[in-house]
N, C-alpha and C. Protein backbone atom coordinates (compact mmCIF):
# COMPACT_ATOMS: atom_id res chain seq x y z
N MET A 1 5.04 16.74 84.08
CA MET A 1 5.34 15.67 83.17
C MET A 1 4.11 14.81 82.89
N GLU A 2 3.32 14.63 83.95
CA GLU A 2 2.14 13.81 83.76
C GLU A 2 1.18 14.48 82.79
N LYS A 3 1.09 15.80 82.88
CA LYS A 3 0.22 16.52 81.94
C LYS A 3 0.75 16.36 80.52
N GLU A 4 2.04 16.46 80.40
CA GLU A 4 2.66 16.31 79.06
C GLU A 4 2.45 14.89 78.56
N LEU A 5 2.61 13.89 79.42
CA LEU A 5 2.40 12.50 79.04
C LEU A 5 0.96 12.26 78.65
N ALA A 6 0.04 12.84 79.37
CA ALA A 6 -1.38 12.70 79.05
C ALA A 6 -1.69 13.35 77.71
N ALA A 7 -1.09 14.51 77.44
CA ALA A 7 -1.31 15.20 76.16
C ALA A 7 -0.76 14.36 75.01
N GLN A 8 0.39 13.77 75.22
CA GLN A 8 1.00 12.94 74.16
C GLN A 8 0.19 11.67 73.93
N GLN A 9 -0.33 11.07 75.01
CA GLN A 9 -1.16 9.88 74.85
C GLN A 9 -2.45 10.24 74.12
N GLU A 10 -3.02 11.40 74.43
CA GLU A 10 -4.23 11.87 73.73
C GLU A 10 -3.92 12.06 72.25
N ARG A 11 -2.79 12.64 71.97
CA ARG A 11 -2.39 12.85 70.57
C ARG A 11 -2.16 11.51 69.87
N LEU A 12 -1.58 10.54 70.61
CA LEU A 12 -1.34 9.22 70.05
C LEU A 12 -2.65 8.51 69.72
N THR A 13 -3.63 8.60 70.55
CA THR A 13 -4.92 7.97 70.28
C THR A 13 -5.60 8.62 69.06
N VAL A 14 -5.44 9.94 68.93
CA VAL A 14 -6.00 10.63 67.75
C VAL A 14 -5.29 10.13 66.49
N LEU A 15 -3.97 10.00 66.57
CA LEU A 15 -3.21 9.52 65.41
C LEU A 15 -3.59 8.08 65.04
N VAL A 16 -3.80 7.23 66.05
CA VAL A 16 -4.19 5.85 65.79
C VAL A 16 -5.55 5.80 65.12
N SER A 17 -6.48 6.63 65.59
CA SER A 17 -7.80 6.64 64.96
C SER A 17 -7.70 7.20 63.54
N ARG A 18 -6.85 8.15 63.32
CA ARG A 18 -6.67 8.71 61.97
C ARG A 18 -5.93 7.73 61.06
N GLU A 19 -5.08 6.88 61.64
CA GLU A 19 -4.37 5.88 60.85
C GLU A 19 -5.36 4.89 60.24
N ALA A 20 -6.34 4.49 61.00
CA ALA A 20 -7.38 3.60 60.49
C ALA A 20 -8.16 4.30 59.39
N GLU A 21 -8.44 5.58 59.60
CA GLU A 21 -9.17 6.36 58.58
C GLU A 21 -8.32 6.49 57.31
N LEU A 22 -7.01 6.69 57.49
CA LEU A 22 -6.10 6.80 56.33
C LEU A 22 -6.05 5.48 55.57
N ALA A 23 -5.97 4.36 56.25
CA ALA A 23 -5.95 3.05 55.60
C ALA A 23 -7.23 2.84 54.81
N MET A 24 -8.38 3.24 55.40
CA MET A 24 -9.66 3.09 54.70
C MET A 24 -9.69 3.97 53.44
N LEU A 25 -9.18 5.19 53.55
CA LEU A 25 -9.15 6.09 52.40
C LEU A 25 -8.22 5.55 51.30
N GLU A 26 -7.08 4.97 51.67
CA GLU A 26 -6.16 4.38 50.69
C GLU A 26 -6.81 3.21 49.98
N ARG A 27 -7.57 2.38 50.71
CA ARG A 27 -8.31 1.28 50.07
C ARG A 27 -9.35 1.83 49.11
N ASP A 28 -10.04 2.90 49.50
CA ASP A 28 -11.02 3.51 48.61
C ASP A 28 -10.37 4.03 47.32
N VAL A 29 -9.16 4.60 47.45
CA VAL A 29 -8.43 5.09 46.27
C VAL A 29 -8.07 3.92 45.36
N GLN A 30 -7.59 2.81 45.94
CA GLN A 30 -7.23 1.64 45.13
C GLN A 30 -8.46 1.09 44.41
N VAL A 31 -9.58 1.01 45.10
CA VAL A 31 -10.82 0.51 44.48
C VAL A 31 -11.25 1.45 43.36
N ALA A 32 -11.18 2.77 43.61
CA ALA A 32 -11.57 3.74 42.59
C ALA A 32 -10.66 3.64 41.37
N GLU A 33 -9.35 3.46 41.58
CA GLU A 33 -8.42 3.31 40.46
C GLU A 33 -8.73 2.05 39.65
N GLY A 34 -9.03 0.95 40.32
CA GLY A 34 -9.40 -0.29 39.63
C GLY A 34 -10.67 -0.12 38.81
N GLU A 35 -11.68 0.54 39.40
CA GLU A 35 -12.92 0.79 38.68
C GLU A 35 -12.69 1.69 37.47
N TYR A 36 -11.82 2.70 37.64
CA TYR A 36 -11.51 3.59 36.52
C TYR A 36 -10.82 2.83 35.39
N THR A 37 -9.86 1.98 35.73
CA THR A 37 -9.16 1.18 34.71
C THR A 37 -10.14 0.29 33.97
N GLN A 38 -11.03 -0.36 34.71
CA GLN A 38 -12.03 -1.22 34.08
C GLN A 38 -12.97 -0.41 33.19
N TYR A 39 -13.38 0.76 33.65
CA TYR A 39 -14.25 1.63 32.85
C TYR A 39 -13.55 2.07 31.57
N ARG A 40 -12.25 2.44 31.68
CA ARG A 40 -11.49 2.87 30.50
C ARG A 40 -11.36 1.73 29.49
N ASP A 41 -11.10 0.52 29.94
CA ASP A 41 -10.99 -0.64 29.05
C ASP A 41 -12.33 -0.92 28.37
N ASN A 42 -13.42 -0.86 29.13
CA ASN A 42 -14.74 -1.09 28.55
C ASN A 42 -15.10 -0.02 27.52
N LEU A 43 -14.72 1.23 27.80
CA LEU A 43 -14.98 2.31 26.85
C LEU A 43 -14.20 2.09 25.56
N GLN A 44 -12.94 1.67 25.67
CA GLN A 44 -12.12 1.41 24.48
C GLN A 44 -12.72 0.26 23.67
N ARG A 45 -13.14 -0.81 24.32
CA ARG A 45 -13.78 -1.93 23.61
C ARG A 45 -15.05 -1.48 22.93
N ALA A 46 -15.82 -0.62 23.58
CA ALA A 46 -17.06 -0.12 22.98
C ALA A 46 -16.77 0.72 21.74
N LYS A 47 -15.72 1.54 21.79
CA LYS A 47 -15.35 2.34 20.61
C LYS A 47 -14.93 1.44 19.45
N VAL A 48 -14.15 0.42 19.73
CA VAL A 48 -13.71 -0.50 18.67
C VAL A 48 -14.92 -1.25 18.11
N SER A 49 -15.79 -1.69 18.97
CA SER A 49 -17.00 -2.40 18.52
C SER A 49 -17.87 -1.51 17.65
N ALA A 50 -18.02 -0.25 18.05
CA ALA A 50 -18.82 0.68 17.25
C ALA A 50 -18.18 0.92 15.90
N ALA A 51 -16.85 1.03 15.86
CA ALA A 51 -16.16 1.24 14.58
C ALA A 51 -16.32 0.02 13.68
N LEU A 52 -16.24 -1.17 14.25
CA LEU A 52 -16.42 -2.39 13.45
C LEU A 52 -17.86 -2.51 12.96
N ASP A 53 -18.81 -2.09 13.77
CA ASP A 53 -20.21 -2.15 13.35
C ASP A 53 -20.50 -1.19 12.21
N THR A 54 -19.86 -0.02 12.22
CA THR A 54 -20.10 0.93 11.12
C THR A 54 -19.49 0.43 9.82
N ASP A 55 -18.41 -0.35 9.91
CA ASP A 55 -17.79 -0.90 8.70
C ASP A 55 -18.34 -2.28 8.34
N ASN A 56 -19.30 -2.77 9.07
CA ASN A 56 -19.90 -4.09 8.85
C ASN A 56 -18.86 -5.20 8.89
N VAL A 57 -17.94 -5.10 9.82
CA VAL A 57 -16.92 -6.12 9.99
C VAL A 57 -17.21 -6.84 11.30
N SER A 58 -17.19 -8.16 11.25
CA SER A 58 -17.41 -8.90 12.49
C SER A 58 -16.49 -10.10 12.53
N ASN A 59 -16.21 -10.53 13.70
CA ASN A 59 -15.39 -11.71 13.95
C ASN A 59 -14.06 -11.64 13.21
N VAL A 60 -13.29 -10.59 13.44
CA VAL A 60 -11.98 -10.45 12.84
C VAL A 60 -10.98 -11.21 13.68
N SER A 61 -10.19 -12.05 13.01
CA SER A 61 -9.16 -12.79 13.72
C SER A 61 -7.98 -12.99 12.80
N VAL A 62 -6.81 -13.17 13.37
CA VAL A 62 -5.59 -13.40 12.61
C VAL A 62 -5.51 -14.89 12.31
N VAL A 63 -5.49 -15.23 11.02
CA VAL A 63 -5.43 -16.63 10.63
C VAL A 63 -4.01 -17.15 10.76
N GLN A 64 -3.05 -16.36 10.25
CA GLN A 64 -1.65 -16.77 10.32
C GLN A 64 -0.81 -15.53 10.56
N ALA A 65 0.13 -15.63 11.44
CA ALA A 65 0.99 -14.49 11.74
C ALA A 65 1.87 -14.17 10.54
N ALA A 66 2.22 -12.90 10.38
CA ALA A 66 3.07 -12.48 9.27
C ALA A 66 4.48 -13.01 9.47
N THR A 67 5.12 -13.39 8.36
CA THR A 67 6.49 -13.90 8.40
C THR A 67 7.32 -13.16 7.37
N TRP A 68 8.63 -13.14 7.57
CA TRP A 68 9.53 -12.53 6.61
C TRP A 68 9.70 -13.47 5.42
N PRO A 69 9.82 -12.94 4.20
CA PRO A 69 10.02 -13.80 3.03
C PRO A 69 11.39 -14.48 3.09
N GLN A 70 11.48 -15.68 2.55
CA GLN A 70 12.73 -16.43 2.56
C GLN A 70 13.72 -15.88 1.52
N ALA A 71 13.20 -15.43 0.39
CA ALA A 71 14.04 -14.89 -0.69
C ALA A 71 13.47 -13.55 -1.11
N PRO A 72 14.31 -12.67 -1.65
CA PRO A 72 13.79 -11.37 -2.08
C PRO A 72 12.77 -11.53 -3.21
N ILE A 73 11.79 -10.64 -3.20
CA ILE A 73 10.73 -10.70 -4.20
C ILE A 73 10.96 -9.60 -5.22
N GLY A 74 12.14 -9.53 -5.74
CA GLY A 74 12.48 -8.50 -6.72
C GLY A 74 12.12 -8.94 -8.13
N PRO A 75 12.40 -8.11 -9.12
CA PRO A 75 12.10 -8.51 -10.50
C PRO A 75 13.02 -9.64 -10.96
N ASN A 76 12.47 -10.52 -11.78
CA ASN A 76 13.24 -11.61 -12.34
C ASN A 76 13.93 -11.07 -13.59
N ARG A 77 15.19 -10.70 -13.49
CA ARG A 77 15.88 -10.00 -14.56
C ARG A 77 15.99 -10.81 -15.85
N PRO A 78 16.37 -12.09 -15.82
CA PRO A 78 16.44 -12.83 -17.09
C PRO A 78 15.08 -12.93 -17.79
N LEU A 79 14.04 -13.18 -17.02
CA LEU A 79 12.70 -13.26 -17.61
C LEU A 79 12.29 -11.91 -18.19
N SER A 80 12.56 -10.84 -17.47
CA SER A 80 12.22 -9.51 -17.96
C SER A 80 12.99 -9.18 -19.24
N LEU A 81 14.25 -9.57 -19.31
CA LEU A 81 15.07 -9.31 -20.50
C LEU A 81 14.53 -10.07 -21.71
N VAL A 82 14.25 -11.35 -21.55
CA VAL A 82 13.73 -12.15 -22.66
C VAL A 82 12.36 -11.64 -23.09
N LEU A 83 11.51 -11.34 -22.13
CA LEU A 83 10.18 -10.83 -22.45
C LEU A 83 10.28 -9.49 -23.16
N GLY A 84 11.18 -8.63 -22.75
CA GLY A 84 11.38 -7.34 -23.41
C GLY A 84 11.86 -7.50 -24.84
N LEU A 85 12.80 -8.42 -25.05
CA LEU A 85 13.30 -8.65 -26.41
C LEU A 85 12.21 -9.20 -27.33
N VAL A 86 11.41 -10.12 -26.83
CA VAL A 86 10.33 -10.70 -27.64
C VAL A 86 9.29 -9.63 -27.97
N ILE A 87 8.91 -8.85 -27.00
CA ILE A 87 7.93 -7.79 -27.25
C ILE A 87 8.48 -6.76 -28.23
N ALA A 88 9.78 -6.42 -28.10
CA ALA A 88 10.39 -5.45 -29.02
C ALA A 88 10.43 -6.00 -30.45
N ALA A 89 10.78 -7.29 -30.62
CA ALA A 89 10.84 -7.88 -31.96
C ALA A 89 9.45 -7.92 -32.60
N VAL A 90 8.46 -8.39 -31.85
CA VAL A 90 7.11 -8.47 -32.39
C VAL A 90 6.58 -7.07 -32.69
N GLY A 91 6.85 -6.13 -31.81
CA GLY A 91 6.39 -4.76 -32.01
C GLY A 91 7.03 -4.12 -33.23
N SER A 92 8.33 -4.33 -33.44
CA SER A 92 9.00 -3.73 -34.59
C SER A 92 8.51 -4.33 -35.90
N ILE A 93 8.29 -5.65 -35.92
CA ILE A 93 7.77 -6.28 -37.15
C ILE A 93 6.36 -5.78 -37.43
N LEU A 94 5.54 -5.69 -36.40
CA LEU A 94 4.18 -5.19 -36.56
C LEU A 94 4.19 -3.74 -37.04
N LEU A 95 5.08 -2.93 -36.50
CA LEU A 95 5.20 -1.53 -36.93
C LEU A 95 5.63 -1.43 -38.39
N ALA A 96 6.55 -2.30 -38.81
CA ALA A 96 6.99 -2.28 -40.20
C ALA A 96 5.82 -2.62 -41.13
N PHE A 97 5.02 -3.61 -40.79
CA PHE A 97 3.87 -3.97 -41.63
C PHE A 97 2.84 -2.83 -41.66
N VAL A 98 2.59 -2.20 -40.54
CA VAL A 98 1.61 -1.11 -40.50
C VAL A 98 2.09 0.08 -41.33
N VAL A 99 3.38 0.43 -41.22
CA VAL A 99 3.91 1.55 -42.01
C VAL A 99 3.85 1.23 -43.50
N GLU A 100 4.20 0.01 -43.86
CA GLU A 100 4.14 -0.39 -45.28
C GLU A 100 2.70 -0.39 -45.79
N TYR A 101 1.76 -0.80 -44.95
CA TYR A 101 0.37 -0.87 -45.37
C TYR A 101 -0.20 0.53 -45.62
N PHE A 102 0.15 1.47 -44.77
CA PHE A 102 -0.38 2.82 -44.91
C PHE A 102 0.51 3.73 -45.77
N SER A 103 1.58 3.21 -46.34
CA SER A 103 2.48 4.01 -47.17
C SER A 103 1.81 4.29 -48.52
N ASP A 104 1.92 5.54 -48.99
CA ASP A 104 1.32 5.90 -50.27
C ASP A 104 2.39 6.22 -51.32
N THR A 105 3.60 5.68 -51.15
CA THR A 105 4.66 5.90 -52.14
C THR A 105 4.46 4.97 -53.33
N ILE A 106 4.98 5.39 -54.46
CA ILE A 106 4.86 4.61 -55.71
C ILE A 106 6.22 4.01 -56.00
N HIS A 107 6.26 2.66 -56.17
CA HIS A 107 7.52 1.96 -56.38
C HIS A 107 7.62 1.35 -57.78
N SER A 108 6.54 1.05 -58.39
CA SER A 108 6.61 0.40 -59.71
C SER A 108 5.55 0.99 -60.63
N LYS A 109 5.65 0.59 -61.92
CA LYS A 109 4.66 1.10 -62.88
C LYS A 109 3.27 0.55 -62.58
N ASP A 110 3.22 -0.62 -61.97
CA ASP A 110 1.91 -1.17 -61.59
C ASP A 110 1.25 -0.28 -60.52
N ASP A 111 2.06 0.26 -59.59
CA ASP A 111 1.52 1.17 -58.58
C ASP A 111 0.97 2.44 -59.22
N VAL A 112 1.62 2.94 -60.28
CA VAL A 112 1.14 4.14 -60.97
C VAL A 112 -0.21 3.87 -61.61
N GLU A 113 -0.31 2.74 -62.29
CA GLU A 113 -1.57 2.41 -62.96
C GLU A 113 -2.68 2.16 -61.94
N THR A 114 -2.35 1.55 -60.80
CA THR A 114 -3.35 1.23 -59.79
C THR A 114 -3.83 2.50 -59.07
N HIS A 115 -2.91 3.31 -58.59
CA HIS A 115 -3.28 4.47 -57.77
C HIS A 115 -3.75 5.67 -58.59
N LEU A 116 -3.11 5.90 -59.75
CA LEU A 116 -3.47 7.08 -60.53
C LEU A 116 -4.50 6.79 -61.63
N GLY A 117 -4.57 5.55 -62.02
CA GLY A 117 -5.54 5.18 -63.05
C GLY A 117 -5.15 5.63 -64.46
N VAL A 118 -3.88 5.86 -64.73
CA VAL A 118 -3.40 6.26 -66.07
C VAL A 118 -2.35 5.26 -66.52
N PRO A 119 -2.24 5.07 -67.82
CA PRO A 119 -1.22 4.13 -68.31
C PRO A 119 0.18 4.76 -68.23
N VAL A 120 1.21 3.90 -68.09
CA VAL A 120 2.59 4.35 -68.03
C VAL A 120 3.11 4.46 -69.47
N LEU A 121 3.62 5.63 -69.85
CA LEU A 121 4.13 5.83 -71.20
C LEU A 121 5.61 5.49 -71.30
N ALA A 122 6.38 5.79 -70.25
CA ALA A 122 7.81 5.49 -70.28
C ALA A 122 8.27 5.23 -68.86
N ALA A 123 9.30 4.43 -68.72
CA ALA A 123 9.87 4.12 -67.42
C ALA A 123 11.38 4.20 -67.53
N VAL A 124 12.04 4.75 -66.54
CA VAL A 124 13.49 4.88 -66.52
C VAL A 124 14.00 3.99 -65.37
N SER A 125 14.86 3.05 -65.70
CA SER A 125 15.40 2.17 -64.67
C SER A 125 16.49 2.90 -63.90
N GLU A 126 16.91 2.29 -62.80
CA GLU A 126 17.93 2.92 -61.97
C GLU A 126 19.27 2.97 -62.69
N LYS A 127 19.55 1.99 -63.51
CA LYS A 127 20.82 1.97 -64.26
C LYS A 127 20.82 3.11 -65.26
N GLU A 128 19.70 3.30 -65.96
CA GLU A 128 19.62 4.38 -66.96
C GLU A 128 19.68 5.74 -66.25
N TYR A 129 19.07 5.84 -65.11
CA TYR A 129 19.09 7.10 -64.35
C TYR A 129 20.50 7.41 -63.88
N ALA A 130 21.23 6.39 -63.44
CA ALA A 130 22.60 6.59 -62.96
C ALA A 130 23.51 7.00 -64.12
N ARG A 131 23.26 6.49 -65.31
CA ARG A 131 24.06 6.86 -66.49
C ARG A 131 23.85 8.30 -66.89
N CYS A 132 22.66 8.83 -66.69
CA CYS A 132 22.33 10.20 -67.08
C CYS A 132 22.94 11.23 -66.16
N THR A 133 23.19 10.88 -64.97
CA THR A 133 23.68 11.88 -64.03
C THR A 133 25.16 12.01 -63.99
């Protein structure tokens, strides 16, 4: 039994010495993880800084946080309707003047003399034309 007790005590002392070694190794792992996290953060900041330098952007900051609008920003239907009607009226009047200006139809004997350069010998009114048909 004494031999067994001595062997167990020897094993216990080895375990105690290894426990201290294990604690030291765990601290080393924690330190290494902290250094890695710090290195990763510094690398990310360096990438962002390099990207900002290539775009010539510096000192970017948020002046005011974004907020939701109080009312919808849709089209103003009454204003659009009135504006559409006004534009349609002006456009149709302008189109009528342009068509009349470029029209080459002859309506009176004065138009015949002006456009053709010949005198009018006879003219038939609409009443006389209606009587003939």
